């Protein structure tokens, strides 16, 4: 089965540095096959016939033992990744309007380790505005920004959902699908 591991908070602001070549080498040593990485934010595709929770734990333990710091890992199958992109709740018109108001990337997906806790969803709702919108679908939060994600109170408060989360822009999501498709099932 093809899996995608999305690492949270690596290579950001000079902290938690992991070179992708070293990450790939670590995963291959753990028995992962056809390991590929994409950009420095920690996107890893591989093939392995094991349960998702087992793989997630192997990666997290491997990173801490190899690189010396803990990292949360969000796992998705190739099928789940395709579903995320197909199920985008924002219309092409909404995305185009957001892009017209900004010179930055507007569409993102936050991937959670687990479904958010109810109290977390309620806390996050207070940060939605006309310029920062979201839609939660299972373990994904679709995000649409009219301004920069970096200045967004919504984006800066995703941790209030109460579960580990990592965010990827829409271009990265689509690139991951093309890389996964090239791997075959």
N, C-alpha and C. Protein backbone atom coordinates (compact mmCIF):
# COMPACT_ATOMS: atom_id res chain seq x y z
N UNK A 1 0.84 -1.18 0.00
CA UNK A 1 0.00 0.00 0.00
C UNK A 1 0.89 1.24 0.00
N UNK A 2 0.44 2.29 -0.68
CA UNK A 2 1.18 3.55 -0.72
C UNK A 2 0.66 4.45 0.40
N UNK A 3 1.60 4.94 1.20
CA UNK A 3 1.29 5.86 2.29
C UNK A 3 2.03 7.17 2.09
N UNK A 4 1.47 8.22 2.69
CA UNK A 4 2.12 9.51 2.74
C UNK A 4 2.24 9.87 4.21
N UNK A 5 3.45 10.17 4.66
CA UNK A 5 3.68 10.64 6.02
C UNK A 5 3.96 12.13 5.92
N UNK A 6 3.21 12.92 6.68
CA UNK A 6 3.35 14.37 6.69
C UNK A 6 3.86 14.77 8.07
N UNK A 7 5.09 15.25 8.11
CA UNK A 7 5.74 15.58 9.37
C UNK A 7 5.40 17.01 9.77
N UNK A 8 5.18 17.19 11.05
CA UNK A 8 4.82 18.51 11.57
C UNK A 8 6.04 19.24 12.14
N UNK A 9 6.19 20.49 11.72
CA UNK A 9 7.13 21.39 12.37
C UNK A 9 8.61 21.10 12.18
N UNK A 10 8.99 20.55 11.03
CA UNK A 10 10.42 20.36 10.79
C UNK A 10 10.92 21.43 9.82
N UNK A 11 12.20 21.74 9.94
CA UNK A 11 12.87 22.68 9.04
C UNK A 11 12.16 24.03 8.96
N UNK A 12 11.63 24.49 10.09
CA UNK A 12 10.94 25.77 10.14
C UNK A 12 11.76 26.71 11.02
N UNK A 13 12.16 27.82 10.47
CA UNK A 13 12.90 28.81 11.24
C UNK A 13 14.20 28.29 11.84
N UNK A 14 14.84 27.36 11.17
CA UNK A 14 16.11 26.83 11.64
C UNK A 14 15.99 25.82 12.77
N UNK A 15 14.77 25.42 13.09
CA UNK A 15 14.56 24.46 14.19
C UNK A 15 14.15 23.10 13.64
N UNK A 16 14.43 22.08 14.45
CA UNK A 16 14.05 20.70 14.09
C UNK A 16 14.48 20.34 12.67
N UNK A 17 15.77 20.54 12.41
CA UNK A 17 16.28 20.30 11.07
C UNK A 17 16.43 18.81 10.78
N UNK A 18 15.87 18.42 9.65
CA UNK A 18 16.01 17.06 9.15
C UNK A 18 16.25 17.16 7.65
N UNK A 19 17.38 16.67 7.20
CA UNK A 19 17.63 16.62 5.76
C UNK A 19 16.82 15.46 5.19
N UNK A 20 16.17 15.70 4.07
CA UNK A 20 15.31 14.68 3.49
C UNK A 20 16.09 13.43 3.09
N UNK A 21 17.32 13.59 2.65
CA UNK A 21 18.14 12.42 2.31
C UNK A 21 18.38 11.56 3.54
N UNK A 22 18.59 12.19 4.69
CA UNK A 22 18.81 11.44 5.93
C UNK A 22 17.52 10.78 6.42
N UNK A 23 16.40 11.46 6.23
CA UNK A 23 15.10 10.89 6.60
C UNK A 23 14.81 9.66 5.73
N UNK A 24 15.08 9.78 4.45
CA UNK A 24 14.86 8.67 3.52
C UNK A 24 15.72 7.47 3.92
N UNK A 25 16.97 7.74 4.24
CA UNK A 25 17.90 6.67 4.65
C UNK A 25 17.40 5.97 5.92
N UNK A 26 16.91 6.77 6.88
CA UNK A 26 16.38 6.21 8.13
C UNK A 26 15.19 5.29 7.86
N UNK A 27 14.26 5.75 7.01
CA UNK A 27 13.07 4.95 6.71
C UNK A 27 13.43 3.67 5.95
N UNK A 28 14.36 3.76 5.04
CA UNK A 28 14.80 2.56 4.32
C UNK A 28 15.43 1.56 5.28
N UNK A 29 16.18 2.05 6.25
CA UNK A 29 16.79 1.17 7.26
C UNK A 29 15.72 0.48 8.12
N UNK A 30 14.56 1.13 8.25
CA UNK A 30 13.45 0.54 9.00
C UNK A 30 12.60 -0.41 8.15
N UNK A 31 12.97 -0.57 6.88
CA UNK A 31 12.27 -1.52 6.01
C UNK A 31 11.22 -0.93 5.09
N UNK A 32 11.13 0.39 5.03
CA UNK A 32 10.18 1.04 4.13
C UNK A 32 10.72 0.95 2.71
N UNK A 33 9.83 0.76 1.74
CA UNK A 33 10.30 0.62 0.35
C UNK A 33 9.79 1.77 -0.52
N UNK A 34 10.51 2.00 -1.61
CA UNK A 34 10.21 3.05 -2.58
C UNK A 34 10.00 4.40 -1.90
N UNK A 35 10.87 4.73 -0.96
CA UNK A 35 10.75 5.97 -0.20
C UNK A 35 11.11 7.16 -1.09
N UNK A 36 10.22 8.14 -1.10
CA UNK A 36 10.45 9.39 -1.81
C UNK A 36 10.10 10.53 -0.88
N UNK A 37 10.83 11.63 -0.99
CA UNK A 37 10.49 12.82 -0.22
C UNK A 37 10.17 13.95 -1.19
N UNK A 38 9.41 14.90 -0.70
CA UNK A 38 9.08 16.08 -1.51
C UNK A 38 9.20 17.32 -0.64
N UNK A 39 10.01 18.21 -1.03
CA UNK A 39 10.39 19.47 -0.37
C UNK A 39 10.73 19.26 1.11
N UNK A 40 11.31 20.29 1.69
CA UNK A 40 11.90 20.18 3.03
C UNK A 40 10.90 20.21 4.18
N UNK A 41 9.61 20.38 3.89
CA UNK A 41 8.62 20.48 4.97
C UNK A 41 8.23 19.12 5.54
N UNK A 42 8.77 18.05 4.97
CA UNK A 42 8.52 16.73 5.54
C UNK A 42 7.35 15.99 4.94
N UNK A 43 7.41 15.75 3.65
CA UNK A 43 6.40 14.96 2.94
C UNK A 43 7.11 13.72 2.44
N UNK A 44 6.67 12.55 2.90
CA UNK A 44 7.34 11.30 2.55
C UNK A 44 6.32 10.31 2.01
N UNK A 45 6.61 9.75 0.86
CA UNK A 45 5.78 8.70 0.28
C UNK A 45 6.55 7.40 0.30
N UNK A 46 5.83 6.31 0.55
CA UNK A 46 6.49 5.00 0.58
C UNK A 46 5.46 3.90 0.42
N UNK A 47 5.97 2.70 0.20
CA UNK A 47 5.11 1.52 0.11
C UNK A 47 5.46 0.59 1.26
N UNK A 48 4.41 0.07 1.89
CA UNK A 48 4.59 -0.90 2.96
C UNK A 48 3.24 -1.49 3.31
N UNK A 49 3.22 -2.77 3.58
CA UNK A 49 1.98 -3.44 3.98
C UNK A 49 1.96 -3.60 5.49
N UNK A 50 1.59 -2.53 6.16
CA UNK A 50 1.44 -2.54 7.61
C UNK A 50 0.33 -1.59 7.99
N UNK A 51 -0.14 -1.71 9.20
CA UNK A 51 -1.22 -0.83 9.67
C UNK A 51 -0.69 0.59 9.86
N UNK A 52 -1.55 1.55 9.56
CA UNK A 52 -1.20 2.96 9.61
C UNK A 52 -0.65 3.38 10.98
N UNK A 53 -1.31 2.98 12.04
CA UNK A 53 -0.88 3.37 13.40
C UNK A 53 0.51 2.82 13.71
N UNK A 54 0.81 1.61 13.25
CA UNK A 54 2.12 1.01 13.47
C UNK A 54 3.19 1.80 12.73
N UNK A 55 2.89 2.16 11.48
CA UNK A 55 3.84 2.93 10.68
C UNK A 55 4.08 4.32 11.27
N UNK A 56 3.02 4.95 11.70
CA UNK A 56 3.15 6.28 12.31
C UNK A 56 4.08 6.21 13.52
N UNK A 57 3.87 5.24 14.36
CA UNK A 57 4.69 5.08 15.57
C UNK A 57 6.15 4.78 15.20
N UNK A 58 6.37 3.91 14.20
CA UNK A 58 7.74 3.60 13.76
C UNK A 58 8.47 4.86 13.30
N UNK A 59 7.76 5.69 12.55
CA UNK A 59 8.38 6.91 12.03
C UNK A 59 8.69 7.87 13.17
N UNK A 60 7.73 8.07 14.07
CA UNK A 60 7.94 9.00 15.18
C UNK A 60 9.09 8.55 16.08
N UNK A 61 9.13 7.26 16.40
CA UNK A 61 10.22 6.73 17.25
C UNK A 61 11.55 6.82 16.49
N UNK A 62 11.55 6.47 15.21
CA UNK A 62 12.76 6.54 14.40
C UNK A 62 13.33 7.94 14.33
N UNK A 63 12.47 8.93 14.16
CA UNK A 63 12.92 10.32 14.09
C UNK A 63 13.51 10.76 15.42
N UNK A 64 12.83 10.44 16.51
CA UNK A 64 13.34 10.86 17.82
C UNK A 64 14.68 10.20 18.11
N UNK A 65 14.81 8.90 17.79
CA UNK A 65 16.07 8.20 18.04
C UNK A 65 17.19 8.69 17.12
N UNK A 66 16.86 8.98 15.88
CA UNK A 66 17.87 9.37 14.90
C UNK A 66 18.24 10.84 14.98
N UNK A 67 17.25 11.71 15.15
CA UNK A 67 17.49 13.15 15.06
C UNK A 67 17.44 13.86 16.42
N UNK A 68 16.95 13.16 17.44
CA UNK A 68 17.02 13.70 18.80
C UNK A 68 15.90 14.61 19.24
N UNK A 69 14.81 14.65 18.51
CA UNK A 69 13.66 15.46 18.94
C UNK A 69 12.37 14.80 18.44
N UNK A 70 11.27 15.03 19.17
CA UNK A 70 10.00 14.40 18.76
C UNK A 70 9.34 15.18 17.62
N UNK A 71 8.67 14.44 16.76
CA UNK A 71 7.93 15.02 15.64
C UNK A 71 6.60 14.27 15.53
N UNK A 72 5.52 15.03 15.42
CA UNK A 72 4.21 14.41 15.16
C UNK A 72 4.11 14.10 13.68
N UNK A 73 3.55 12.93 13.37
CA UNK A 73 3.41 12.48 11.99
C UNK A 73 1.93 12.22 11.70
N UNK A 74 1.45 12.80 10.61
CA UNK A 74 0.09 12.55 10.13
C UNK A 74 0.21 11.59 8.95
N UNK A 75 -0.53 10.51 9.00
CA UNK A 75 -0.47 9.50 7.95
C UNK A 75 -1.73 9.56 7.08
N UNK A 76 -1.54 9.38 5.78
CA UNK A 76 -2.66 9.26 4.85
C UNK A 76 -2.29 8.23 3.80
N UNK A 77 -3.28 7.49 3.34
CA UNK A 77 -3.06 6.58 2.21
C UNK A 77 -3.17 7.39 0.92
N UNK A 78 -2.74 6.81 -0.18
CA UNK A 78 -2.87 7.48 -1.47
C UNK A 78 -4.34 7.76 -1.76
N UNK A 79 -5.19 6.81 -1.45
CA UNK A 79 -6.63 6.98 -1.67
C UNK A 79 -7.19 8.14 -0.83
N UNK A 80 -6.76 8.22 0.42
CA UNK A 80 -7.22 9.32 1.28
C UNK A 80 -6.75 10.66 0.75
N UNK A 81 -5.53 10.73 0.27
CA UNK A 81 -5.01 11.97 -0.28
C UNK A 81 -5.83 12.42 -1.49
N UNK A 82 -6.14 11.48 -2.37
CA UNK A 82 -6.97 11.82 -3.54
C UNK A 82 -8.34 12.31 -3.09
N UNK A 83 -8.92 11.67 -2.09
CA UNK A 83 -10.24 12.05 -1.58
C UNK A 83 -10.20 13.47 -1.01
N UNK A 84 -9.12 13.81 -0.32
CA UNK A 84 -8.99 15.15 0.25
C UNK A 84 -9.10 16.20 -0.85
N UNK A 85 -8.40 16.00 -1.95
CA UNK A 85 -8.41 16.98 -3.03
C UNK A 85 -9.76 17.00 -3.74
N UNK A 86 -10.33 15.84 -4.00
CA UNK A 86 -11.63 15.78 -4.69
C UNK A 86 -12.75 16.41 -3.86
N UNK A 87 -12.68 16.28 -2.55
CA UNK A 87 -13.75 16.76 -1.67
C UNK A 87 -13.58 18.21 -1.20
N UNK A 88 -12.76 18.97 -1.85
CA UNK A 88 -12.58 20.37 -1.46
C UNK A 88 -13.95 21.06 -1.42
N UNK A 89 -14.36 21.56 -0.25
CA UNK A 89 -15.69 22.16 -0.12
C UNK A 89 -15.80 23.57 -0.68
N UNK A 90 -14.67 24.20 -0.98
CA UNK A 90 -14.71 25.56 -1.52
C UNK A 90 -14.85 25.50 -3.03
N UNK A 91 -15.72 26.33 -3.57
CA UNK A 91 -15.96 26.34 -5.01
C UNK A 91 -14.79 27.01 -5.73
N UNK A 92 -14.70 26.74 -7.02
CA UNK A 92 -13.67 27.38 -7.83
C UNK A 92 -13.82 28.90 -7.78
N UNK A 93 -15.08 29.36 -7.72
CA UNK A 93 -15.35 30.79 -7.65
C UNK A 93 -14.84 31.39 -6.33
N UNK A 94 -15.08 30.70 -5.21
CA UNK A 94 -14.59 31.19 -3.91
C UNK A 94 -13.06 31.25 -3.89
N UNK A 95 -12.42 30.24 -4.44
CA UNK A 95 -10.95 30.21 -4.48
C UNK A 95 -10.43 31.33 -5.37
N UNK A 96 -11.05 31.52 -6.53
CA UNK A 96 -10.63 32.57 -7.46
C UNK A 96 -10.78 33.95 -6.82
N UNK A 97 -11.87 34.16 -6.09
CA UNK A 97 -12.08 35.44 -5.41
C UNK A 97 -11.01 35.68 -4.35
N UNK A 98 -10.67 34.64 -3.58
CA UNK A 98 -9.63 34.77 -2.56
C UNK A 98 -8.28 35.07 -3.22
N UNK A 99 -7.98 34.39 -4.31
CA UNK A 99 -6.72 34.61 -5.01
C UNK A 99 -6.64 36.02 -5.58
N UNK A 100 -7.78 36.56 -6.02
CA UNK A 100 -7.80 37.91 -6.58
C UNK A 100 -7.52 38.97 -5.52
N UNK A 101 -7.84 38.67 -4.27
CA UNK A 101 -7.63 39.63 -3.18
C UNK A 101 -6.25 39.49 -2.54
N UNK A 102 -5.47 38.50 -2.96
CA UNK A 102 -4.19 38.25 -2.31
C UNK A 102 -3.10 37.98 -3.32
N UNK A 103 -1.88 38.24 -2.93
CA UNK A 103 -0.75 37.87 -3.77
C UNK A 103 -0.05 36.64 -3.21
N UNK A 104 -0.68 36.00 -2.25
CA UNK A 104 -0.13 34.82 -1.59
C UNK A 104 -0.99 33.59 -1.91
N UNK A 105 -0.47 32.43 -1.55
CA UNK A 105 -1.23 31.18 -1.65
C UNK A 105 -2.47 31.30 -0.76
N UNK A 106 -3.61 30.85 -1.23
CA UNK A 106 -4.87 31.02 -0.49
C UNK A 106 -5.46 29.72 0.04
N UNK A 107 -5.26 28.63 -0.65
CA UNK A 107 -5.93 27.36 -0.33
C UNK A 107 -4.95 26.42 0.37
N UNK A 108 -5.37 25.90 1.53
CA UNK A 108 -4.55 24.99 2.33
C UNK A 108 -5.42 23.87 2.89
N UNK A 109 -4.74 22.82 3.33
CA UNK A 109 -5.41 21.75 4.06
C UNK A 109 -4.59 21.45 5.31
N UNK A 110 -5.27 21.45 6.44
CA UNK A 110 -4.64 21.05 7.69
C UNK A 110 -5.03 19.59 7.91
N UNK A 111 -4.04 18.74 8.10
CA UNK A 111 -4.30 17.32 8.34
C UNK A 111 -4.04 17.01 9.80
N UNK A 112 -5.02 16.38 10.41
CA UNK A 112 -4.98 16.09 11.83
C UNK A 112 -4.64 14.62 12.05
N UNK A 113 -4.03 14.32 13.21
CA UNK A 113 -3.76 12.92 13.53
C UNK A 113 -5.06 12.17 13.81
N UNK A 114 -5.99 12.83 14.44
CA UNK A 114 -7.28 12.25 14.78
C UNK A 114 -8.35 13.31 14.53
N UNK A 115 -9.61 12.90 14.57
CA UNK A 115 -10.67 13.88 14.44
C UNK A 115 -10.60 14.84 15.62
N UNK A 116 -10.92 16.11 15.38
CA UNK A 116 -10.81 17.10 16.46
C UNK A 116 -11.82 16.86 17.57
N UNK A 117 -11.45 17.30 18.76
CA UNK A 117 -12.38 17.18 19.88
C UNK A 117 -13.43 18.28 19.76
N UNK A 118 -14.63 18.02 20.27
CA UNK A 118 -15.74 18.96 20.13
C UNK A 118 -15.39 20.33 20.69
N UNK A 119 -14.83 20.38 21.87
CA UNK A 119 -14.45 21.67 22.45
C UNK A 119 -13.45 22.41 21.58
N UNK A 120 -12.58 21.68 20.93
CA UNK A 120 -11.59 22.29 20.04
C UNK A 120 -12.25 22.93 18.84
N UNK A 121 -13.24 22.27 18.29
CA UNK A 121 -13.97 22.81 17.14
C UNK A 121 -14.65 24.11 17.54
N UNK A 122 -15.24 24.11 18.71
CA UNK A 122 -15.92 25.32 19.21
C UNK A 122 -14.92 26.45 19.43
N UNK A 123 -13.74 26.14 19.97
CA UNK A 123 -12.71 27.17 20.19
C UNK A 123 -12.21 27.74 18.86
N UNK A 124 -12.02 26.88 17.87
CA UNK A 124 -11.51 27.34 16.58
C UNK A 124 -12.53 28.24 15.88
N UNK A 125 -13.80 27.98 16.06
CA UNK A 125 -14.84 28.76 15.39
C UNK A 125 -14.74 30.24 15.69
N UNK A 126 -14.21 30.59 16.84
CA UNK A 126 -14.10 32.02 17.20
C UNK A 126 -13.07 32.75 16.34
N UNK A 127 -12.23 32.02 15.61
CA UNK A 127 -11.18 32.64 14.80
C UNK A 127 -11.55 32.73 13.32
N UNK A 128 -12.71 32.22 12.95
CA UNK A 128 -13.15 32.34 11.56
C UNK A 128 -13.60 33.78 11.31
N UNK A 129 -13.32 34.27 10.11
CA UNK A 129 -13.74 35.62 9.73
C UNK A 129 -14.11 35.62 8.25
N UNK A 130 -14.47 36.79 7.76
CA UNK A 130 -14.76 36.89 6.32
C UNK A 130 -13.53 36.64 5.47
N UNK A 131 -12.34 36.83 6.09
CA UNK A 131 -11.09 36.66 5.35
C UNK A 131 -10.42 35.31 5.58
N UNK A 132 -10.82 34.62 6.64
CA UNK A 132 -10.25 33.32 6.99
C UNK A 132 -11.39 32.34 7.21
N UNK A 133 -11.57 31.44 6.25
CA UNK A 133 -12.68 30.50 6.35
C UNK A 133 -12.15 29.07 6.42
N UNK A 134 -12.94 28.19 7.00
CA UNK A 134 -12.54 26.79 7.09
C UNK A 134 -13.75 25.88 7.03
N UNK A 135 -13.45 24.63 6.75
CA UNK A 135 -14.47 23.58 6.74
C UNK A 135 -13.78 22.30 7.24
N UNK A 136 -14.35 21.68 8.26
CA UNK A 136 -13.78 20.45 8.81
C UNK A 136 -14.50 19.26 8.21
N UNK A 137 -13.72 18.32 7.72
CA UNK A 137 -14.24 17.08 7.15
C UNK A 137 -13.41 15.93 7.71
N UNK A 138 -13.90 15.27 8.75
CA UNK A 138 -13.16 14.17 9.35
C UNK A 138 -11.87 14.64 9.98
N UNK A 139 -10.73 14.16 9.44
CA UNK A 139 -9.41 14.51 9.96
C UNK A 139 -8.74 15.60 9.12
N UNK A 140 -9.52 16.32 8.32
CA UNK A 140 -8.98 17.40 7.51
C UNK A 140 -9.72 18.70 7.80
N UNK A 141 -8.96 19.78 7.74
CA UNK A 141 -9.55 21.12 7.84
C UNK A 141 -9.15 21.85 6.57
N UNK A 142 -10.13 22.16 5.74
CA UNK A 142 -9.88 22.93 4.53
C UNK A 142 -9.85 24.40 4.92
N UNK A 143 -8.85 25.11 4.45
CA UNK A 143 -8.64 26.50 4.83
C UNK A 143 -8.56 27.39 3.60
N UNK A 144 -9.28 28.49 3.62
CA UNK A 144 -9.25 29.45 2.52
C UNK A 144 -8.99 30.83 3.11
N UNK A 145 -7.88 31.46 2.69
CA UNK A 145 -7.46 32.75 3.22
C UNK A 145 -7.49 33.81 2.13
N UNK A 146 -8.01 34.98 2.48
CA UNK A 146 -7.96 36.11 1.55
C UNK A 146 -6.63 36.86 1.69
N UNK A 147 -6.00 36.72 2.83
CA UNK A 147 -4.73 37.39 3.10
C UNK A 147 -3.67 36.29 3.30
N UNK A 148 -2.59 36.63 3.90
CA UNK A 148 -1.52 35.67 4.13
C UNK A 148 -1.85 34.69 5.24
N UNK A 149 -1.50 33.44 5.04
CA UNK A 149 -1.68 32.42 6.07
C UNK A 149 -0.86 32.78 7.31
N UNK A 150 0.26 33.43 7.11
CA UNK A 150 1.14 33.78 8.23
C UNK A 150 0.53 34.80 9.18
N UNK A 151 -0.35 35.64 8.66
CA UNK A 151 -1.00 36.65 9.49
C UNK A 151 -2.37 36.21 9.98
N UNK A 152 -2.74 35.00 9.68
CA UNK A 152 -4.09 34.52 9.98
C UNK A 152 -4.22 34.04 11.43
N UNK A 153 -5.18 34.61 12.15
CA UNK A 153 -5.48 34.14 13.51
C UNK A 153 -6.04 32.72 13.46
N UNK A 154 -6.79 32.42 12.42
CA UNK A 154 -7.33 31.07 12.26
C UNK A 154 -6.20 30.05 12.13
N UNK A 155 -5.27 30.31 11.22
CA UNK A 155 -4.16 29.38 11.01
C UNK A 155 -3.30 29.25 12.26
N UNK A 156 -3.10 30.35 12.96
CA UNK A 156 -2.27 30.32 14.16
C UNK A 156 -2.94 29.67 15.36
N UNK A 157 -4.21 29.32 15.23
CA UNK A 157 -4.93 28.70 16.34
C UNK A 157 -5.46 27.31 16.02
N UNK A 158 -4.95 26.68 14.98
CA UNK A 158 -5.38 25.31 14.65
C UNK A 158 -5.07 24.33 15.78
N UNK A 159 -4.06 24.63 16.58
CA UNK A 159 -3.72 23.76 17.71
C UNK A 159 -4.88 23.66 18.71
N UNK A 160 -5.78 24.60 18.68
CA UNK A 160 -6.94 24.59 19.59
C UNK A 160 -7.90 23.44 19.30
N UNK A 161 -7.71 22.78 18.17
CA UNK A 161 -8.53 21.61 17.85
C UNK A 161 -8.22 20.44 18.79
N UNK A 162 -7.10 20.53 19.49
CA UNK A 162 -6.78 19.54 20.51
C UNK A 162 -6.10 18.29 20.02
N UNK A 163 -5.65 18.28 18.77
CA UNK A 163 -4.92 17.13 18.22
C UNK A 163 -3.76 17.65 17.37
N UNK A 164 -2.69 16.85 17.22
CA UNK A 164 -1.58 17.28 16.36
C UNK A 164 -2.08 17.57 14.93
N UNK A 165 -1.51 18.62 14.35
CA UNK A 165 -1.94 19.08 13.03
C UNK A 165 -0.74 19.56 12.23
N UNK A 166 -0.79 19.34 10.92
CA UNK A 166 0.21 19.92 10.01
C UNK A 166 -0.54 20.46 8.80
N UNK A 167 -0.02 21.53 8.23
CA UNK A 167 -0.71 22.23 7.15
C UNK A 167 0.12 22.16 5.87
N UNK A 168 -0.57 21.94 4.75
CA UNK A 168 0.07 21.96 3.43
C UNK A 168 -0.75 22.83 2.50
N UNK A 169 -0.07 23.54 1.59
CA UNK A 169 -0.82 24.34 0.62
C UNK A 169 -1.36 23.44 -0.48
N UNK A 170 -2.28 23.98 -1.25
CA UNK A 170 -3.00 23.20 -2.26
C UNK A 170 -2.07 22.71 -3.36
N UNK A 171 -1.08 23.51 -3.72
CA UNK A 171 -0.12 23.09 -4.75
C UNK A 171 0.65 21.86 -4.29
N UNK A 172 1.06 21.86 -3.03
CA UNK A 172 1.78 20.70 -2.49
C UNK A 172 0.88 19.48 -2.49
N UNK A 173 -0.38 19.64 -2.11
CA UNK A 173 -1.31 18.50 -2.08
C UNK A 173 -1.42 17.88 -3.48
N UNK A 174 -1.57 18.71 -4.48
CA UNK A 174 -1.69 18.20 -5.85
C UNK A 174 -0.39 17.58 -6.35
N UNK A 175 0.73 18.14 -5.96
CA UNK A 175 2.03 17.56 -6.34
C UNK A 175 2.21 16.20 -5.69
N UNK A 176 1.82 16.07 -4.42
CA UNK A 176 1.91 14.78 -3.74
C UNK A 176 1.08 13.72 -4.46
N UNK A 177 -0.09 14.09 -4.92
CA UNK A 177 -0.93 13.13 -5.65
C UNK A 177 -0.23 12.70 -6.94
N UNK A 178 0.38 13.62 -7.66
CA UNK A 178 1.05 13.22 -8.91
C UNK A 178 2.24 12.31 -8.61
N UNK A 179 2.95 12.56 -7.51
CA UNK A 179 4.07 11.69 -7.13
C UNK A 179 3.58 10.30 -6.70
N UNK A 180 2.51 10.27 -5.94
CA UNK A 180 1.92 9.00 -5.51
C UNK A 180 1.39 8.21 -6.70
N UNK A 181 0.75 8.90 -7.63
CA UNK A 181 0.23 8.22 -8.82
C UNK A 181 1.37 7.59 -9.63
N UNK A 182 2.51 8.26 -9.67
CA UNK A 182 3.67 7.74 -10.41
C UNK A 182 4.22 6.49 -9.73
N UNK A 183 4.01 6.36 -8.43
CA UNK A 183 4.48 5.17 -7.70
C UNK A 183 3.63 3.94 -8.02
N UNK A 184 2.38 4.16 -8.38
CA UNK A 184 1.47 3.04 -8.62
C UNK A 184 1.03 2.43 -7.30
N UNK A 185 -0.01 1.65 -7.36
CA UNK A 185 -0.52 1.00 -6.14
C UNK A 185 0.18 -0.29 -5.99
